[in-house]
Amino acid sequence: YEDSELVAFYELRILSDGGVGLVRRDTRTGEEIWIFSGSSEAINQGNAINQVETIMLELNFILYINGVNVLETPLPEYSGGGIGLGCASGEEGTVQYKFYDFSAGH
């Protein structure tokens, strides 16, 4: 995806081992700035299903995983924009991703 006006985007990372992170990536330099990195017992590990809800309330990012508030943090640099979904596998093998009931609104 290319957008000459896009300066940065945010990437939410949820790992099958219970790890969770939020990264701001500068599109000009490729630099990653870690806003949050940690783990949560709310994340169902392995092949289990996780329900993820993200909210931007004014300039605050809020993350719920399986109904548990996992993260609330201010994002003062946030200026609006698009939303996208992506998945990646850290290892070779069979990986399956499914997105149900995806919605975006304001």
N, C-alpha and C. Protein backbone atom coordinates (compact mmCIF):
# COMPACT_ATOMS: atom_id res chain seq x y z
N TYR A 1 0.85 -1.18 0.00
CA TYR A 1 0.00 0.00 0.00
C TYR A 1 0.89 1.23 0.00
N GLU A 2 0.65 2.16 -0.90
CA GLU A 2 1.42 3.40 -0.94
C GLU A 2 0.49 4.59 -0.89
N ASP A 3 0.88 5.57 -0.12
CA ASP A 3 0.13 6.81 0.01
C ASP A 3 1.16 7.89 0.29
N SER A 4 1.31 8.83 -0.61
CA SER A 4 2.36 9.85 -0.45
C SER A 4 2.15 10.71 0.79
N GLU A 5 0.94 10.78 1.32
CA GLU A 5 0.68 11.59 2.51
C GLU A 5 0.74 10.78 3.81
N LEU A 6 0.83 9.46 3.71
CA LEU A 6 0.88 8.61 4.88
C LEU A 6 2.27 8.68 5.50
N VAL A 7 2.34 9.19 6.72
CA VAL A 7 3.62 9.37 7.41
C VAL A 7 3.94 8.15 8.28
N ALA A 8 2.92 7.57 8.88
CA ALA A 8 3.13 6.43 9.77
C ALA A 8 1.85 5.60 9.85
N PHE A 9 2.02 4.37 10.29
CA PHE A 9 0.86 3.55 10.60
C PHE A 9 1.15 2.76 11.87
N TYR A 10 0.08 2.31 12.49
CA TYR A 10 0.18 1.56 13.73
C TYR A 10 -0.09 0.09 13.44
N GLU A 11 0.67 -0.76 14.09
CA GLU A 11 0.56 -2.19 13.89
C GLU A 11 0.36 -2.86 15.25
N LEU A 12 -0.73 -3.57 15.38
CA LEU A 12 -1.03 -4.33 16.59
C LEU A 12 -0.55 -5.75 16.36
N ARG A 13 0.26 -6.25 17.27
CA ARG A 13 0.79 -7.61 17.14
C ARG A 13 0.29 -8.46 18.30
N ILE A 14 -0.40 -9.55 17.97
CA ILE A 14 -0.87 -10.50 18.97
C ILE A 14 -0.26 -11.85 18.60
N LEU A 15 0.46 -12.42 19.54
CA LEU A 15 1.20 -13.65 19.27
C LEU A 15 0.52 -14.85 19.93
N SER A 16 0.73 -16.02 19.33
CA SER A 16 0.10 -17.23 19.84
C SER A 16 0.66 -17.68 21.19
N ASP A 17 1.76 -17.07 21.63
CA ASP A 17 2.32 -17.41 22.95
C ASP A 17 1.84 -16.47 24.05
N GLY A 18 0.90 -15.57 23.73
CA GLY A 18 0.35 -14.64 24.71
C GLY A 18 0.95 -13.25 24.65
N GLY A 19 1.89 -13.04 23.75
CA GLY A 19 2.51 -11.73 23.61
C GLY A 19 1.61 -10.75 22.87
N VAL A 20 1.75 -9.47 23.21
CA VAL A 20 0.99 -8.42 22.53
C VAL A 20 1.87 -7.18 22.43
N GLY A 21 1.79 -6.49 21.30
CA GLY A 21 2.58 -5.28 21.13
C GLY A 21 1.88 -4.30 20.21
N LEU A 22 2.21 -3.04 20.38
CA LEU A 22 1.71 -1.98 19.52
C LEU A 22 2.92 -1.20 19.03
N VAL A 23 3.02 -1.08 17.70
CA VAL A 23 4.18 -0.46 17.06
C VAL A 23 3.71 0.66 16.16
N ARG A 24 4.44 1.76 16.17
CA ARG A 24 4.22 2.84 15.20
C ARG A 24 5.35 2.75 14.19
N ARG A 25 5.01 2.58 12.91
CA ARG A 25 6.02 2.43 11.86
C ARG A 25 6.04 3.67 10.98
N ASP A 26 7.20 4.30 10.87
CA ASP A 26 7.39 5.46 10.01
C ASP A 26 7.52 4.98 8.57
N THR A 27 6.65 5.45 7.70
CA THR A 27 6.65 4.98 6.31
C THR A 27 7.81 5.53 5.49
N ARG A 28 8.40 6.61 5.94
CA ARG A 28 9.52 7.18 5.19
C ARG A 28 10.83 6.47 5.49
N THR A 29 11.04 6.11 6.75
CA THR A 29 12.32 5.52 7.16
C THR A 29 12.21 4.03 7.46
N GLY A 30 10.99 3.53 7.68
CA GLY A 30 10.81 2.14 8.07
C GLY A 30 11.05 1.90 9.56
N GLU A 31 11.39 2.96 10.30
CA GLU A 31 11.68 2.82 11.72
C GLU A 31 10.44 2.38 12.49
N GLU A 32 10.65 1.44 13.42
CA GLU A 32 9.57 0.98 14.29
C GLU A 32 9.77 1.58 15.67
N ILE A 33 8.72 2.18 16.20
CA ILE A 33 8.74 2.71 17.56
C ILE A 33 7.76 1.89 18.37
N TRP A 34 8.28 1.14 19.35
CA TRP A 34 7.42 0.31 20.19
C TRP A 34 6.71 1.18 21.21
N ILE A 35 5.39 1.16 21.16
CA ILE A 35 4.58 1.91 22.11
C ILE A 35 4.27 1.03 23.32
N PHE A 36 4.05 -0.24 23.05
CA PHE A 36 3.75 -1.19 24.11
C PHE A 36 4.24 -2.56 23.71
N SER A 37 4.81 -3.28 24.65
CA SER A 37 5.21 -4.66 24.44
C SER A 37 5.03 -5.40 25.75
N GLY A 38 4.33 -6.50 25.71
CA GLY A 38 4.11 -7.27 26.93
C GLY A 38 3.39 -8.56 26.62
N SER A 39 2.70 -9.08 27.61
CA SER A 39 1.93 -10.30 27.42
C SER A 39 0.64 -10.18 28.23
N SER A 40 -0.30 -11.05 27.91
CA SER A 40 -1.58 -11.02 28.61
C SER A 40 -2.14 -12.43 28.72
N GLU A 41 -2.62 -12.75 29.91
CA GLU A 41 -3.29 -14.04 30.11
C GLU A 41 -4.64 -14.08 29.40
N ALA A 42 -5.13 -12.94 28.94
CA ALA A 42 -6.41 -12.90 28.22
C ALA A 42 -6.30 -13.52 26.83
N ILE A 43 -5.08 -13.64 26.31
CA ILE A 43 -4.88 -14.20 24.97
C ILE A 43 -4.94 -15.71 25.03
N ASN A 44 -5.85 -16.29 24.26
CA ASN A 44 -5.92 -17.75 24.13
C ASN A 44 -4.75 -18.19 23.28
N GLN A 45 -3.93 -19.07 23.81
CA GLN A 45 -2.70 -19.45 23.14
C GLN A 45 -2.88 -20.62 22.20
N GLY A 46 -1.89 -20.80 21.34
CA GLY A 46 -1.90 -21.92 20.40
C GLY A 46 -2.90 -21.71 19.29
N ASN A 47 -3.69 -22.75 18.98
CA ASN A 47 -4.65 -22.70 17.88
C ASN A 47 -6.01 -22.15 18.29
N ALA A 48 -6.13 -21.60 19.48
CA ALA A 48 -7.41 -21.11 19.99
C ALA A 48 -7.82 -19.81 19.31
N ILE A 49 -9.09 -19.51 19.37
CA ILE A 49 -9.66 -18.30 18.79
C ILE A 49 -9.59 -17.16 19.80
N ASN A 50 -9.27 -15.97 19.32
CA ASN A 50 -9.26 -14.76 20.14
C ASN A 50 -10.18 -13.73 19.53
N GLN A 51 -10.96 -13.08 20.36
CA GLN A 51 -11.80 -11.97 19.92
C GLN A 51 -11.07 -10.69 20.26
N VAL A 52 -10.84 -9.87 19.26
CA VAL A 52 -10.05 -8.65 19.43
C VAL A 52 -10.92 -7.44 19.11
N GLU A 53 -10.89 -6.44 19.99
CA GLU A 53 -11.62 -5.20 19.76
C GLU A 53 -10.66 -4.04 20.01
N THR A 54 -10.53 -3.16 19.04
CA THR A 54 -9.71 -1.96 19.20
C THR A 54 -10.61 -0.74 19.09
N ILE A 55 -10.31 0.25 19.90
CA ILE A 55 -11.10 1.48 19.92
C ILE A 55 -10.13 2.67 19.94
N MET A 56 -10.41 3.67 19.12
CA MET A 56 -9.72 4.95 19.23
C MET A 56 -10.74 5.93 19.78
N LEU A 57 -10.53 6.37 21.00
CA LEU A 57 -11.42 7.32 21.66
C LEU A 57 -10.63 8.60 21.86
N GLU A 58 -10.97 9.60 21.05
CA GLU A 58 -10.17 10.82 20.96
C GLU A 58 -8.75 10.40 20.58
N LEU A 59 -7.75 10.62 21.38
CA LEU A 59 -6.39 10.22 21.03
C LEU A 59 -5.91 9.06 21.91
N ASN A 60 -6.84 8.24 22.38
CA ASN A 60 -6.49 7.11 23.22
C ASN A 60 -6.82 5.80 22.52
N PHE A 61 -5.82 4.92 22.46
CA PHE A 61 -5.98 3.59 21.88
C PHE A 61 -6.37 2.63 23.00
N ILE A 62 -7.44 1.86 22.78
CA ILE A 62 -7.93 0.91 23.78
C ILE A 62 -8.03 -0.45 23.11
N LEU A 63 -7.52 -1.47 23.80
CA LEU A 63 -7.50 -2.83 23.26
C LEU A 63 -8.18 -3.79 24.23
N TYR A 64 -9.14 -4.53 23.70
CA TYR A 64 -9.78 -5.62 24.45
C TYR A 64 -9.45 -6.92 23.72
N ILE A 65 -9.08 -7.94 24.48
CA ILE A 65 -8.91 -9.28 23.93
C ILE A 65 -9.77 -10.21 24.75
N ASN A 66 -10.69 -10.88 24.07
CA ASN A 66 -11.62 -11.80 24.73
C ASN A 66 -12.37 -11.12 25.88
N GLY A 67 -12.75 -9.85 25.66
CA GLY A 67 -13.53 -9.10 26.63
C GLY A 67 -12.74 -8.49 27.77
N VAL A 68 -11.43 -8.69 27.79
CA VAL A 68 -10.58 -8.16 28.85
C VAL A 68 -9.82 -6.94 28.34
N ASN A 69 -9.87 -5.85 29.09
CA ASN A 69 -9.12 -4.64 28.72
C ASN A 69 -7.64 -4.93 28.93
N VAL A 70 -6.90 -5.02 27.84
CA VAL A 70 -5.49 -5.38 27.87
C VAL A 70 -4.59 -4.15 27.82
N LEU A 71 -5.06 -3.09 27.15
CA LEU A 71 -4.19 -1.93 26.96
C LEU A 71 -5.03 -0.68 26.75
N GLU A 72 -4.62 0.39 27.40
CA GLU A 72 -5.12 1.74 27.12
C GLU A 72 -3.90 2.65 27.12
N THR A 73 -3.68 3.35 26.01
CA THR A 73 -2.52 4.23 25.94
C THR A 73 -2.83 5.42 25.04
N PRO A 74 -2.32 6.60 25.39
CA PRO A 74 -2.51 7.76 24.52
C PRO A 74 -1.64 7.65 23.27
N LEU A 75 -2.17 8.11 22.15
CA LEU A 75 -1.42 8.19 20.90
C LEU A 75 -1.51 9.63 20.39
N PRO A 76 -0.73 10.54 20.96
CA PRO A 76 -0.86 11.95 20.61
C PRO A 76 -0.54 12.26 19.15
N GLU A 77 0.22 11.39 18.47
CA GLU A 77 0.58 11.63 17.06
C GLU A 77 -0.50 11.16 16.10
N TYR A 78 -1.51 10.42 16.61
CA TYR A 78 -2.54 9.85 15.74
C TYR A 78 -3.35 10.97 15.10
N SER A 79 -3.55 10.84 13.78
CA SER A 79 -4.31 11.87 13.07
C SER A 79 -5.41 11.29 12.20
N GLY A 80 -5.82 10.06 12.47
CA GLY A 80 -6.88 9.45 11.68
C GLY A 80 -6.31 8.68 10.51
N GLY A 81 -7.18 8.09 9.74
CA GLY A 81 -6.74 7.35 8.57
C GLY A 81 -7.47 6.04 8.42
N GLY A 82 -6.91 5.17 7.59
CA GLY A 82 -7.54 3.90 7.26
C GLY A 82 -7.25 2.83 8.28
N ILE A 83 -7.86 1.67 8.03
CA ILE A 83 -7.66 0.51 8.88
C ILE A 83 -7.47 -0.69 7.96
N GLY A 84 -6.63 -1.61 8.38
CA GLY A 84 -6.41 -2.81 7.58
C GLY A 84 -6.17 -4.01 8.47
N LEU A 85 -6.27 -5.18 7.89
CA LEU A 85 -6.03 -6.42 8.62
C LEU A 85 -4.90 -7.17 7.93
N GLY A 86 -4.07 -7.79 8.73
CA GLY A 86 -3.00 -8.58 8.17
C GLY A 86 -2.58 -9.64 9.16
N CYS A 87 -2.00 -10.70 8.66
CA CYS A 87 -1.53 -11.80 9.51
C CYS A 87 -0.22 -12.31 8.97
N ALA A 88 0.57 -12.87 9.86
CA ALA A 88 1.83 -13.45 9.45
C ALA A 88 2.15 -14.63 10.34
N SER A 89 2.86 -15.56 9.79
CA SER A 89 3.31 -16.71 10.56
C SER A 89 4.80 -16.56 10.82
N GLY A 90 5.21 -16.75 12.06
CA GLY A 90 6.62 -16.64 12.41
C GLY A 90 7.42 -17.88 12.06
N GLU A 91 6.75 -18.98 11.79
CA GLU A 91 7.41 -20.23 11.48
C GLU A 91 6.74 -20.89 10.29
N GLU A 92 7.46 -21.80 9.66
CA GLU A 92 6.87 -22.57 8.57
C GLU A 92 5.85 -23.54 9.13
N GLY A 93 4.86 -23.85 8.34
CA GLY A 93 3.85 -24.80 8.76
C GLY A 93 2.47 -24.33 8.40
N THR A 94 1.49 -25.06 8.83
CA THR A 94 0.11 -24.73 8.52
C THR A 94 -0.39 -23.66 9.48
N VAL A 95 -0.86 -22.58 8.93
CA VAL A 95 -1.40 -21.48 9.73
C VAL A 95 -2.73 -21.10 9.13
N GLN A 96 -3.70 -20.82 9.98
CA GLN A 96 -5.02 -20.45 9.49
C GLN A 96 -5.49 -19.20 10.23
N TYR A 97 -5.92 -18.20 9.47
CA TYR A 97 -6.45 -16.97 10.03
C TYR A 97 -7.87 -16.78 9.50
N LYS A 98 -8.76 -16.37 10.38
CA LYS A 98 -10.14 -16.08 9.97
C LYS A 98 -10.56 -14.80 10.64
N PHE A 99 -11.25 -13.97 9.90
CA PHE A 99 -11.79 -12.73 10.44
C PHE A 99 -13.31 -12.81 10.37
N TYR A 100 -13.97 -12.67 11.52
CA TYR A 100 -15.42 -12.72 11.58
C TYR A 100 -15.94 -11.37 12.07
N ASP A 101 -17.03 -10.95 11.52
CA ASP A 101 -17.72 -9.74 11.99
C ASP A 101 -16.81 -8.53 12.08
N PHE A 102 -15.98 -8.33 11.07
CA PHE A 102 -15.12 -7.15 11.03
C PHE A 102 -15.96 -5.93 10.71
N SER A 103 -15.78 -4.87 11.49
CA SER A 103 -16.48 -3.62 11.18
C SER A 103 -15.61 -2.45 11.57
N ALA A 104 -15.78 -1.36 10.87
CA ALA A 104 -15.07 -0.13 11.18
C ALA A 104 -16.09 1.00 11.06
N GLY A 105 -16.06 1.90 11.99
CA GLY A 105 -17.01 2.99 11.95
C GLY A 105 -16.52 4.17 12.75
N HIS A 106 -17.27 5.22 12.68
CA HIS A 106 -16.92 6.41 13.47
C HIS A 106 -18.15 7.04 14.03
